[in-house]
């Protein structure tokens, strides 16, 4: 990874997930799975460039499963 923080990428970051073929835009952090509320994922996202459609189309993933970053979201002081 890069030195933009050791844990979270900024909102709006566009990534490719491990084993994926479509890009995902990060829209949230520390999101619980609806199937198992005790399971917390690092990121929530939506398919890029489709945007948020419904909660059924939300992507949940953890940081180690992001091998490629296409675009970093806003980083400010």
C-alpha atoms as a PDB file:
ATOM      1  CA  UNK A   1       0.000   0.000   0.000  1.00  0.00           C
ATOM      2  CA  UNK A   2       1.036   3.641   0.227  1.00  0.00           C
ATOM      3  CA  UNK A   3       1.644   5.864   3.241  1.00  0.00           C
ATOM      4  CA  UNK A   4      -1.789   7.501   3.275  1.00  0.00           C
ATOM      5  CA  UNK A   5      -2.680   5.891   6.543  1.00  0.00           C
ATOM      6  CA  UNK A   6      -2.201   2.415   7.722  1.00  0.00           C
ATOM      7  CA  UNK A   7      -5.855   1.522   8.206  1.00  0.00           C
ATOM      8  CA  UNK A   8      -8.488   3.291   6.132  1.00  0.00           C
ATOM      9  CA  UNK A   9      -8.623   4.629   2.606  1.00  0.00           C
ATOM     10  CA  UNK A  10     -10.629   7.858   2.195  1.00  0.00           C
ATOM     11  CA  UNK A  11     -14.272   7.865   1.120  1.00  0.00           C
ATOM     12  CA  UNK A  12     -14.615   8.077  -2.634  1.00  0.00           C
ATOM     13  CA  UNK A  13     -11.600   5.849  -3.242  1.00  0.00           C
ATOM     14  CA  UNK A  14     -12.118   3.545  -6.248  1.00  0.00           C
ATOM     15  CA  UNK A  15     -10.606   0.065  -5.904  1.00  0.00           C
ATOM     16  CA  UNK A  16     -10.598  -3.406  -7.392  1.00  0.00           C
ATOM     17  CA  UNK A  17     -11.315  -6.190  -4.917  1.00  0.00           C
ATOM     18  CA  UNK A  18      -9.415  -9.456  -4.796  1.00  0.00           C
ATOM     19  CA  UNK A  19     -10.833 -11.760  -7.484  1.00  0.00           C
ATOM     20  CA  UNK A  20     -13.086  -8.986  -8.800  1.00  0.00           C
ATOM     21  CA  UNK A  21     -13.561  -7.641 -12.307  1.00  0.00           C
ATOM     22  CA  UNK A  22     -15.582  -4.480 -11.555  1.00  0.00           C
ATOM     23  CA  UNK A  23     -14.484  -1.400  -9.652  1.00  0.00           C
ATOM     24  CA  UNK A  24     -15.935  -0.485  -6.255  1.00  0.00           C
ATOM     25  CA  UNK A  25     -16.121   2.982  -4.667  1.00  0.00           C
ATOM     26  CA  UNK A  26     -15.689   3.156  -0.883  1.00  0.00           C
ATOM     27  CA  UNK A  27     -18.703   4.807   0.752  1.00  0.00           C
ATOM     28  CA  UNK A  28     -18.363   3.879   4.428  1.00  0.00           C
ATOM     29  CA  UNK A  29     -16.247   2.399   7.203  1.00  0.00           C
ATOM     30  CA  UNK A  30     -16.641  -0.244   9.919  1.00  0.00           C
ATOM     31  CA  UNK A  31     -19.908  -1.680   8.608  1.00  0.00           C
ATOM     32  CA  UNK A  32     -21.681  -4.661  10.153  1.00  0.00           C
ATOM     33  CA  UNK A  33     -23.007  -7.467   8.020  1.00  0.00           C
ATOM     34  CA  UNK A  34     -26.809  -7.782   8.019  1.00  0.00           C
ATOM     35  CA  UNK A  35     -26.369 -11.571   8.165  1.00  0.00           C
ATOM     36  CA  UNK A  36     -24.075 -11.444  11.211  1.00  0.00           C
ATOM     37  CA  UNK A  37     -24.097  -8.154  13.193  1.00  0.00           C
ATOM     38  CA  UNK A  38     -20.993  -9.269  15.112  1.00  0.00           C
ATOM     39  CA  UNK A  39     -19.013  -9.361  11.860  1.00  0.00           C
ATOM     40  CA  UNK A  40     -17.595  -5.895  11.126  1.00  0.00           C
ATOM     41  CA  UNK A  41     -15.983  -5.128   7.774  1.00  0.00           C
ATOM     42  CA  UNK A  42     -13.419  -2.367   7.187  1.00  0.00           C
ATOM     43  CA  UNK A  43     -15.302  -0.900   4.226  1.00  0.00           C
ATOM     44  CA  UNK A  44     -18.715  -0.589   2.618  1.00  0.00           C
ATOM     45  CA  UNK A  45     -18.926   0.365  -1.017  1.00  0.00           C
ATOM     46  CA  UNK A  46     -20.972   0.517  -4.174  1.00  0.00           C
ATOM     47  CA  UNK A  47     -20.271  -0.524  -7.721  1.00  0.00           C
ATOM     48  CA  UNK A  48     -18.427   2.213  -9.597  1.00  0.00           C
ATOM     49  CA  UNK A  49     -19.826   4.119 -11.621  1.00  0.00           C
ATOM     50  CA  UNK A  50     -23.344   2.872 -10.880  1.00  0.00           C
ATOM     51  CA  UNK A  51     -23.432   4.384  -7.398  1.00  0.00           C
ATOM     52  CA  UNK A  52     -25.663   3.336  -4.528  1.00  0.00           C
ATOM     53  CA  UNK A  53     -28.724   1.464  -5.801  1.00  0.00           C
ATOM     54  CA  UNK A  54     -30.114  -0.398  -2.755  1.00  0.00           C
ATOM     55  CA  UNK A  55     -28.702  -1.960   0.397  1.00  0.00           C
ATOM     56  CA  UNK A  56     -28.789  -5.306  -1.443  1.00  0.00           C
ATOM     57  CA  UNK A  57     -26.125  -3.943  -3.798  1.00  0.00           C
ATOM     58  CA  UNK A  58     -23.728  -2.815  -1.055  1.00  0.00           C
ATOM     59  CA  UNK A  59     -20.273  -4.401  -1.131  1.00  0.00           C
ATOM     60  CA  UNK A  60     -18.551  -5.217   2.195  1.00  0.00           C
ATOM     61  CA  UNK A  61     -14.830  -5.951   2.357  1.00  0.00           C
ATOM     62  CA  UNK A  62     -11.693  -5.728   4.467  1.00  0.00           C
ATOM     63  CA  UNK A  63      -8.518  -3.815   3.726  1.00  0.00           C
ATOM     64  CA  UNK A  64      -6.332  -6.857   2.915  1.00  0.00           C
ATOM     65  CA  UNK A  65      -8.727  -7.762   0.061  1.00  0.00           C
ATOM     66  CA  UNK A  66      -7.933  -4.604  -1.938  1.00  0.00           C
ATOM     67  CA  UNK A  67      -4.988  -5.325  -4.249  1.00  0.00           C
ATOM     68  CA  UNK A  68      -5.459  -2.342  -6.584  1.00  0.00           C
ATOM     69  CA  UNK A  69      -6.333   1.324  -6.025  1.00  0.00           C
ATOM     70  CA  UNK A  70      -7.507   3.248  -9.104  1.00  0.00           C
ATOM     71  CA  UNK A  71      -8.278   6.583  -7.465  1.00  0.00           C
ATOM     72  CA  UNK A  72      -7.875   7.975  -3.951  1.00  0.00           C
ATOM     73  CA  UNK A  73     -10.759   9.914  -2.475  1.00  0.00           C
ATOM     74  CA  UNK A  74     -10.337  13.358  -0.951  1.00  0.00           C
ATOM     75  CA  UNK A  75      -7.430  13.735   1.468  1.00  0.00           C
ATOM     76  CA  UNK A  76      -7.320  16.964   3.435  1.00  0.00           C
ATOM     77  CA  UNK A  77      -5.404  18.112   6.498  1.00  0.00           C
END
